[in-house]
């Protein structure tokens, strides 16, 4: 339903040690894949991690970008994505400087009523004709019939807001999401200060348990 990242491209409730631990797991897995398969892994390795009182744990891997997680960072990507892909294929990624815009981002998905268990299908999707600065929109589960966008039953439209802070990014994202009419809904709490504060307090409790 949505994601967010701070201007330093981290989550406010994580420590640098958590990120370093996840990176180490990725490196160990890549080394194990090379040893097991006899060739280095080339591609996307998207890990789902969880910070616990006993350290960072790996939940799952996908050989693709996470959605909507990737929308936060790819929207901020300044390096040519094609060059990154070429470097992956050529195993020269360590020679490439990959840079991101130093901004926070918030992504919110618009979904049909009834999602995810019994979503409506076939409704027309009406989008804003103009987007304010710092907002990008991505179509997802839609079809085109007679020149109109039609919702097909899953996550329909992703709106990504970028700004100096998460709060500012959430505000501009929320304003655009509210302009999409019809039998759709979204989570209004994603990226808001109260929701993030709850996550921070929860992680403090987890670490002290």
Foldseek 3Di string as FASTA:
>chain_A
DKAKAWLVRHAPQDDPVQVVVVVVVVVVVQVVCCVVVVHGDFAAWDWDWDQFLVGIDTDDIDRDDDPPVVVFFVVFWPDDVVVCNVCSVVVNNVVDDTDGRSKMKMKKFKFAPPPPPDGDWFDFKDADPDADPQKDKDADQWDADPRTTIHGGGGGMMMMGIDRGLQVRLVSRVVRVVVIDDRIDIDSPHSHPVVSVVSNVVSVVRNVD
